[in-house]
Amino acid sequence: MATCILIPAYNAGKTILAVVRECLEHGLPVAVVDDGSTDDTSVQLSGLPVTLLRHQQNLGKGAALKTGFAWAVESGLDAVVTVDADGQHDVSAIPLLDASAQSGKWGILIASRRSQFDQMSGLRKSWNRIGVWCIWKRTGFEITDSQSGFRYYSRDVLKGVSLKSNGYALEMEILLKTWKNGFTVGSLPVAARVADGRATSHYRSVKDTFNISMTFLRYM
């Protein structure tokens, strides 16, 4: 099966090069979606064997993911592994995530940071635990991390669900729509290099957590 690595990026000029170079070591196609960056994110990738997709303005992480998902489906790829551009994910675990997802026939497999929840900020830590419990109660999926952006998505899921959210809420939306469309979601323990990425993330704790919560209520 052909799997690609998808990296949504916004003003990630300081970290994107190292992340992409490490991803390329796995021999998989790599695509970066530059979500309207105003720094040198795209310039950093000059000369590298990656597919660069660009938004003219910043639309949000969800919009960047949707652009990358559409490209992957149109390119005939069988699966996508998403990685954040700030270097917090341990991309050396990509082969394990990919192989585990395929052997378990998962629609989505999440690289779970559960062992590091106590290292996260209060709101993130609390919502992640609540989100895990809510998803389990509603769907029966025994996942252990609802917010990790390090994930495997099968082609069937990407073709089978229609997504609307443009921000961080998309990652909650796709979990619930995956369940509603009869696909499976699981998690695999993979410690992040940085458990709480507040220093490099564009995640807005209050606003984005509220939007994720509303997305859960809307689609549950």
C-alpha atoms as a PDB file:
ATOM      1  CA  MET A   1       0.000   0.000   0.000  1.00  0.00           C
ATOM      2  CA  ALA A   2       1.175   3.508  -0.845  1.00  0.00           C
ATOM      3  CA  THR A   3       1.210   5.800   2.170  1.00  0.00           C
ATOM      4  CA  CYS A   4       2.222   9.458   2.160  1.00  0.00           C
ATOM      5  CA  ILE A   5       3.222  11.854   4.925  1.00  0.00           C
ATOM      6  CA  LEU A   6       1.184  15.065   5.126  1.00  0.00           C
ATOM      7  CA  ILE A   7       2.415  18.118   7.033  1.00  0.00           C
ATOM      8  CA  PRO A   8       0.139  21.154   7.502  1.00  0.00           C
ATOM      9  CA  ALA A   9       2.354  24.168   8.152  1.00  0.00           C
ATOM     10  CA  TYR A  10       1.857  27.796   9.140  1.00  0.00           C
ATOM     11  CA  ASN A  11       4.807  30.082   9.892  1.00  0.00           C
ATOM     12  CA  ALA A  12       6.953  27.040  10.598  1.00  0.00           C
ATOM     13  CA  GLY A  13      10.138  28.351   9.019  1.00  0.00           C
ATOM     14  CA  LYS A  14      12.241  27.539  12.099  1.00  0.00           C
ATOM     15  CA  THR A  15      11.220  23.873  12.292  1.00  0.00           C
ATOM     16  CA  ILE A  16       9.840  22.666   8.951  1.00  0.00           C
ATOM     17  CA  LEU A  17      13.169  21.790   7.323  1.00  0.00           C
ATOM     18  CA  ALA A  18      14.258  19.407  10.083  1.00  0.00           C
ATOM     19  CA  VAL A  19      10.819  17.770  10.195  1.00  0.00           C
ATOM     20  CA  VAL A  20      10.668  17.247   6.430  1.00  0.00           C
ATOM     21  CA  ARG A  21      14.212  15.914   6.184  1.00  0.00           C
ATOM     22  CA  GLU A  22      13.505  13.328   8.872  1.00  0.00           C
ATOM     23  CA  CYS A  23      10.240  12.338   7.205  1.00  0.00           C
ATOM     24  CA  LEU A  24      12.001  11.850   3.874  1.00  0.00           C
ATOM     25  CA  GLU A  25      14.265   9.242   5.491  1.00  0.00           C
ATOM     26  CA  HIS A  26      11.310   6.832   5.498  1.00  0.00           C
ATOM     27  CA  GLY A  27      11.143   6.763   1.704  1.00  0.00           C
ATOM     28  CA  LEU A  28       7.481   7.792   1.577  1.00  0.00           C
ATOM     29  CA  PRO A  29       6.016  10.641  -0.488  1.00  0.00           C
ATOM     30  CA  VAL A  30       5.895  13.844   1.569  1.00  0.00           C
ATOM     31  CA  ALA A  31       3.447  16.709   1.012  1.00  0.00           C
ATOM     32  CA  VAL A  32       3.500  20.035   2.857  1.00  0.00           C
ATOM     33  CA  VAL A  33       0.521  22.383   2.860  1.00  0.00           C
ATOM     34  CA  ASP A  34       1.749  25.931   3.513  1.00  0.00           C
ATOM     35  CA  ASP A  35      -1.342  27.527   5.009  1.00  0.00           C
ATOM     36  CA  GLY A  36      -0.675  31.152   4.020  1.00  0.00           C
ATOM     37  CA  SER A  37       2.585  31.538   5.934  1.00  0.00           C
ATOM     38  CA  THR A  38       4.117  35.006   6.118  1.00  0.00           C
ATOM     39  CA  ASP A  39       7.610  33.714   6.929  1.00  0.00           C
ATOM     40  CA  ASP A  40      10.009  31.550   4.895  1.00  0.00           C
ATOM     41  CA  THR A  41       8.224  28.215   5.436  1.00  0.00           C
ATOM     42  CA  SER A  42       7.993  27.443   1.714  1.00  0.00           C
ATOM     43  CA  VAL A  43      11.483  28.762   0.964  1.00  0.00           C
ATOM     44  CA  GLN A  44      12.948  26.300   3.457  1.00  0.00           C
ATOM     45  CA  LEU A  45      11.720  23.438   1.263  1.00  0.00           C
ATOM     46  CA  SER A  46      13.427  24.624  -1.908  1.00  0.00           C
ATOM     47  CA  GLY A  47      15.175  21.780  -3.693  1.00  0.00           C
ATOM     48  CA  LEU A  48      13.674  19.035  -1.543  1.00  0.00           C
ATOM     49  CA  PRO A  49      11.702  16.160  -3.166  1.00  0.00           C
ATOM     50  CA  VAL A  50       8.371  17.142  -1.607  1.00  0.00           C
ATOM     51  CA  THR A  51       4.986  18.204  -2.944  1.00  0.00           C
ATOM     52  CA  LEU A  52       4.298  21.774  -1.829  1.00  0.00           C
ATOM     53  CA  LEU A  53       0.669  22.920  -1.746  1.00  0.00           C
ATOM     54  CA  ARG A  54       0.000  26.545  -0.818  1.00  0.00           C
ATOM     55  CA  HIS A  55      -2.902  28.648   0.423  1.00  0.00           C
ATOM     56  CA  GLN A  56      -2.733  32.325  -0.456  1.00  0.00           C
ATOM     57  CA  GLN A  57      -3.961  33.212   3.025  1.00  0.00           C
ATOM     58  CA  ASN A  58      -4.145  31.496   6.396  1.00  0.00           C
ATOM     59  CA  LEU A  59      -7.317  29.374   6.481  1.00  0.00           C
ATOM     60  CA  GLY A  60      -6.648  27.118   9.475  1.00  0.00           C
ATOM     61  CA  LYS A  61      -5.211  23.688  10.187  1.00  0.00           C
ATOM     62  CA  GLY A  62      -8.411  21.939   9.153  1.00  0.00           C
ATOM     63  CA  ALA A  63      -8.392  23.676   5.777  1.00  0.00           C
ATOM     64  CA  ALA A  64      -4.755  22.671   5.268  1.00  0.00           C
ATOM     65  CA  LEU A  65      -5.575  19.062   6.098  1.00  0.00           C
ATOM     66  CA  LYS A  66      -8.517  19.041   3.686  1.00  0.00           C
ATOM     67  CA  THR A  67      -6.279  20.349   0.907  1.00  0.00           C
ATOM     68  CA  GLY A  68      -3.746  17.625   1.643  1.00  0.00           C
ATOM     69  CA  PHE A  69      -6.380  14.907   1.890  1.00  0.00           C
ATOM     70  CA  ALA A  70      -7.831  15.903  -1.483  1.00  0.00           C
ATOM     71  CA  TRP A  71      -4.376  15.804  -3.060  1.00  0.00           C
ATOM     72  CA  ALA A  72      -3.684  12.351  -1.608  1.00  0.00           C
ATOM     73  CA  VAL A  73      -6.970  10.919  -2.879  1.00  0.00           C
ATOM     74  CA  GLU A  74      -6.505  12.467  -6.320  1.00  0.00           C
ATOM     75  CA  SER A  75      -2.958  11.063  -6.434  1.00  0.00           C
ATOM     76  CA  GLY A  76      -4.223   7.533  -5.836  1.00  0.00           C
ATOM     77  CA  LEU A  77      -2.506   7.093  -2.473  1.00  0.00           C
ATOM     78  CA  ASP A  78      -3.866   4.470  -0.094  1.00  0.00           C
ATOM     79  CA  ALA A  79      -3.249   6.215   3.227  1.00  0.00           C
ATOM     80  CA  VAL A  80      -2.032   9.418   4.843  1.00  0.00           C
ATOM     81  CA  VAL A  81       0.021   9.926   7.992  1.00  0.00           C
ATOM     82  CA  THR A  82      -0.307  13.470   9.342  1.00  0.00           C
ATOM     83  CA  VAL A  83       2.512  15.127  11.259  1.00  0.00           C
ATOM     84  CA  ASP A  84       2.654  18.609  12.779  1.00  0.00           C
ATOM     85  CA  ALA A  85       5.275  21.001  11.438  1.00  0.00           C
ATOM     86  CA  ASP A  86       6.682  22.133  14.778  1.00  0.00           C
ATOM     87  CA  GLY A  87       8.747  19.033  15.516  1.00  0.00           C
ATOM     88  CA  GLN A  88       6.808  17.814  18.548  1.00  0.00           C
ATOM     89  CA  HIS A  89       5.943  14.438  17.001  1.00  0.00           C
ATOM     90  CA  ASP A  90       8.399  11.544  16.940  1.00  0.00           C
ATOM     91  CA  VAL A  91       8.380  10.885  13.202  1.00  0.00           C
ATOM     92  CA  SER A  92      10.642   7.861  13.670  1.00  0.00           C
ATOM     93  CA  ALA A  93       7.396   6.102  14.687  1.00  0.00           C
ATOM     94  CA  ILE A  94       5.777   6.617  11.271  1.00  0.00           C
ATOM     95  CA  PRO A  95       6.596   3.088   9.986  1.00  0.00           C
ATOM     96  CA  LEU A  96       5.169   1.559  13.182  1.00  0.00           C
ATOM     97  CA  LEU A  97       1.990   3.637  12.957  1.00  0.00           C
ATOM     98  CA  ASP A  98       1.572   2.794   9.278  1.00  0.00           C
ATOM     99  CA  ALA A  99       2.174  -0.936   9.717  1.00  0.00           C
ATOM    100  CA  SER A 100      -0.036  -1.170  12.821  1.00  0.00           C
ATOM    101  CA  ALA A 101      -2.893   0.623  11.067  1.00  0.00           C
ATOM    102  CA  GLN A 102      -2.716  -1.611   8.026  1.00  0.00           C
ATOM    103  CA  SER A 103      -2.453  -4.862   9.989  1.00  0.00           C
ATOM    104  CA  GLY A 104      -5.353  -3.819  12.221  1.00  0.00           C
ATOM    105  CA  LYS A 105      -7.356  -2.488   9.264  1.00  0.00           C
ATOM    106  CA  TRP A 106      -8.031   0.790  11.082  1.00  0.00           C
ATOM    107  CA  GLY A 107      -9.809   3.660   9.385  1.00  0.00           C
ATOM    108  CA  ILE A 108      -7.944   6.056  11.670  1.00  0.00           C
ATOM    109  CA  LEU A 109      -5.109   5.182  14.043  1.00  0.00           C
ATOM    110  CA  ILE A 110      -4.006   7.896  16.475  1.00  0.00           C
ATOM    111  CA  ALA A 111      -0.498   8.123  17.911  1.00  0.00           C
ATOM    112  CA  SER A 112      -1.473   8.545  21.552  1.00  0.00           C
ATOM    113  CA  ARG A 113       0.374  10.730  24.097  1.00  0.00           C
ATOM    114  CA  ARG A 114      -1.625   9.402  27.044  1.00  0.00           C
ATOM    115  CA  SER A 115       1.498   8.695  29.115  1.00  0.00           C
ATOM    116  CA  GLN A 116       2.348  12.406  28.877  1.00  0.00           C
ATOM    117  CA  PHE A 117      -1.012  13.981  29.732  1.00  0.00           C
ATOM    118  CA  ASP A 118       0.279  15.248  33.085  1.00  0.00           C
ATOM    119  CA  GLN A 119       2.888  17.315  31.223  1.00  0.00           C
ATOM    120  CA  MET A 120       0.230  19.261  29.313  1.00  0.00           C
ATOM    121  CA  SER A 121      -1.329  22.568  30.282  1.00  0.00           C
ATOM    122  CA  GLY A 122      -4.464  22.392  32.440  1.00  0.00           C
ATOM    123  CA  LEU A 123      -7.087  23.064  29.762  1.00  0.00           C
ATOM    124  CA  ARG A 124      -5.519  20.783  27.167  1.00  0.00           C
ATOM    125  CA  LYS A 125      -5.015  17.994  29.681  1.00  0.00           C
ATOM    126  CA  SER A 126      -8.556  18.234  31.030  1.00  0.00           C
ATOM    127  CA  TRP A 127     -10.263  18.459  27.643  1.00  0.00           C
ATOM    128  CA  ASN A 128      -8.262  15.590  26.185  1.00  0.00           C
ATOM    129  CA  ARG A 129      -9.314  13.302  29.011  1.00  0.00           C
ATOM    130  CA  ILE A 130     -12.921  14.462  28.764  1.00  0.00           C
ATOM    131  CA  GLY A 131     -12.838  14.087  24.987  1.00  0.00           C
ATOM    132  CA  VAL A 132     -11.539  10.524  25.232  1.00  0.00           C
ATOM    133  CA  TRP A 133     -14.313   9.612  27.682  1.00  0.00           C
ATOM    134  CA  CYS A 134     -17.049  11.292  25.596  1.00  0.00           C
ATOM    135  CA  ILE A 135     -15.963   9.562  22.399  1.00  0.00           C
ATOM    136  CA  TRP A 136     -15.862   6.201  24.167  1.00  0.00           C
ATOM    137  CA  LYS A 137     -19.347   6.686  25.641  1.00  0.00           C
ATOM    138  CA  ARG A 138     -20.823   7.781  22.314  1.00  0.00           C
ATOM    139  CA  THR A 139     -18.998   5.574  19.819  1.00  0.00           C
ATOM    140  CA  GLY A 140     -17.453   2.713  21.782  1.00  0.00           C
ATOM    141  CA  PHE A 141     -14.003   3.550  20.396  1.00  0.00           C
ATOM    142  CA  GLU A 142     -11.458   2.984  23.172  1.00  0.00           C
ATOM    143  CA  ILE A 143      -8.991   5.627  22.063  1.00  0.00           C
ATOM    144  CA  THR A 144      -6.625   7.226  24.572  1.00  0.00           C
ATOM    145  CA  ASP A 145      -5.882  10.601  22.908  1.00  0.00           C
ATOM    146  CA  SER A 146      -8.502  12.635  21.062  1.00  0.00           C
ATOM    147  CA  GLN A 147      -6.362  15.613  20.071  1.00  0.00           C
ATOM    148  CA  SER A 148      -3.094  14.209  18.751  1.00  0.00           C
ATOM    149  CA  GLY A 149      -2.362  15.440  15.234  1.00  0.00           C
ATOM    150  CA  PHE A 150      -0.056  12.475  14.582  1.00  0.00           C
ATOM    151  CA  ARG A 151      -2.496  10.111  12.843  1.00  0.00           C
ATOM    152  CA  TYR A 152      -2.979   7.513  10.128  1.00  0.00           C
ATOM    153  CA  TYR A 153      -5.979   7.938   7.819  1.00  0.00           C
ATOM    154  CA  SER A 154      -7.049   5.298   5.318  1.00  0.00           C
ATOM    155  CA  ARG A 155      -8.075   6.234   1.801  1.00  0.00           C
ATOM    156  CA  ASP A 156     -11.536   4.780   2.453  1.00  0.00           C
ATOM    157  CA  VAL A 157     -12.065   7.233   5.317  1.00  0.00           C
ATOM    158  CA  LEU A 158     -10.822  10.212   3.303  1.00  0.00           C
ATOM    159  CA  LYS A 159     -13.151   9.310   0.439  1.00  0.00           C
ATOM    160  CA  GLY A 160     -16.051   8.325   2.666  1.00  0.00           C
ATOM    161  CA  VAL A 161     -16.462  11.406   4.867  1.00  0.00           C
ATOM    162  CA  SER A 162     -17.316  14.984   3.963  1.00  0.00           C
ATOM    163  CA  LEU A 163     -15.546  17.531   6.148  1.00  0.00           C
ATOM    164  CA  LYS A 164     -16.538  21.120   6.947  1.00  0.00           C
ATOM    165  CA  SER A 165     -14.346  22.495   9.730  1.00  0.00           C
ATOM    166  CA  ASN A 166     -11.353  24.652   8.829  1.00  0.00           C
ATOM    167  CA  GLY A 167      -9.706  24.895  12.245  1.00  0.00           C
ATOM    168  CA  TYR A 168      -8.475  22.410  14.839  1.00  0.00           C
ATOM    169  CA  ALA A 169     -12.044  21.141  15.251  1.00  0.00           C
ATOM    170  CA  LEU A 170     -11.664  19.174  12.018  1.00  0.00           C
ATOM    171  CA  GLU A 171      -9.704  16.510  13.887  1.00  0.00           C
ATOM    172  CA  MET A 172     -12.701  15.934  16.166  1.00  0.00           C
ATOM    173  CA  GLU A 173     -15.165  16.151  13.276  1.00  0.00           C
ATOM    174  CA  ILE A 174     -13.413  13.444  11.305  1.00  0.00           C
ATOM    175  CA  LEU A 175     -13.399  11.072  14.301  1.00  0.00           C
ATOM    176  CA  LEU A 176     -17.152  11.319  14.716  1.00  0.00           C
ATOM    177  CA  LYS A 177     -17.908  11.120  11.003  1.00  0.00           C
ATOM    178  CA  THR A 178     -15.599   8.128  10.674  1.00  0.00           C
ATOM    179  CA  TRP A 179     -17.716   6.370  13.318  1.00  0.00           C
ATOM    180  CA  LYS A 180     -21.001   7.414  11.667  1.00  0.00           C
ATOM    181  CA  ASN A 181     -19.791   6.015   8.349  1.00  0.00           C
ATOM    182  CA  GLY A 182     -18.957   2.620   9.830  1.00  0.00           C
ATOM    183  CA  PHE A 183     -15.167   2.875   9.960  1.00  0.00           C
ATOM    184  CA  THR A 184     -12.995   2.090  12.982  1.00  0.00           C
ATOM    185  CA  VAL A 185     -10.765   4.331  15.086  1.00  0.00           C
ATOM    186  CA  GLY A 186      -7.978   3.161  17.379  1.00  0.00           C
ATOM    187  CA  SER A 187      -4.888   4.459  19.141  1.00  0.00           C
ATOM    188  CA  LEU A 188      -1.288   3.366  19.484  1.00  0.00           C
ATOM    189  CA  PRO A 189       1.003   4.521  22.314  1.00  0.00           C
ATOM    190  CA  VAL A 190       3.620   6.862  20.836  1.00  0.00           C
ATOM    191  CA  ALA A 191       5.262   9.399  23.130  1.00  0.00           C
ATOM    192  CA  ALA A 192       5.704  12.869  21.655  1.00  0.00           C
ATOM    193  CA  ARG A 193       9.078  14.593  21.740  1.00  0.00           C
ATOM    194  CA  VAL A 194       7.316  17.574  23.303  1.00  0.00           C
ATOM    195  CA  ALA A 195       4.129  16.610  25.147  1.00  0.00           C
ATOM    196  CA  ASP A 196       2.826  20.159  25.466  1.00  0.00           C
ATOM    197  CA  GLY A 197       3.634  22.104  22.324  1.00  0.00           C
ATOM    198  CA  ARG A 198       2.390  25.487  23.548  1.00  0.00           C
ATOM    199  CA  ALA A 199       5.671  27.180  22.659  1.00  0.00           C
ATOM    200  CA  THR A 200       5.407  26.275  18.961  1.00  0.00           C
ATOM    201  CA  SER A 201       1.716  25.567  18.399  1.00  0.00           C
ATOM    202  CA  HIS A 202      -0.829  28.029  16.996  1.00  0.00           C
ATOM    203  CA  TYR A 203      -3.536  26.329  19.075  1.00  0.00           C
ATOM    204  CA  ARG A 204      -5.627  28.876  21.043  1.00  0.00           C
ATOM    205  CA  SER A 205      -6.478  27.100  24.274  1.00  0.00           C
ATOM    206  CA  VAL A 206      -9.838  28.686  25.054  1.00  0.00           C
ATOM    207  CA  LYS A 207     -11.226  29.438  21.591  1.00  0.00           C
ATOM    208  CA  ASP A 208     -10.092  26.236  19.894  1.00  0.00           C
ATOM    209  CA  THR A 209     -11.097  24.040  22.830  1.00  0.00           C
ATOM    210  CA  PHE A 210     -14.557  25.626  22.722  1.00  0.00           C
ATOM    211  CA  ASN A 211     -14.826  24.998  18.968  1.00  0.00           C
ATOM    212  CA  ILE A 212     -13.780  21.361  19.400  1.00  0.00           C
ATOM    213  CA  SER A 213     -16.349  20.894  22.154  1.00  0.00           C
ATOM    214  CA  MET A 214     -19.094  22.388  19.989  1.00  0.00           C
ATOM    215  CA  THR A 215     -18.058  20.149  17.117  1.00  0.00           C
ATOM    216  CA  PHE A 216     -18.429  17.083  19.338  1.00  0.00           C
ATOM    217  CA  LEU A 217     -21.933  18.160  20.377  1.00  0.00           C
ATOM    218  CA  ARG A 218     -22.912  18.977  16.796  1.00  0.00           C
ATOM    219  CA  TYR A 219     -21.916  15.641  15.303  1.00  0.00           C
ATOM    220  CA  MET A 220     -22.453  13.204  18.148  1.00  0.00           C
END
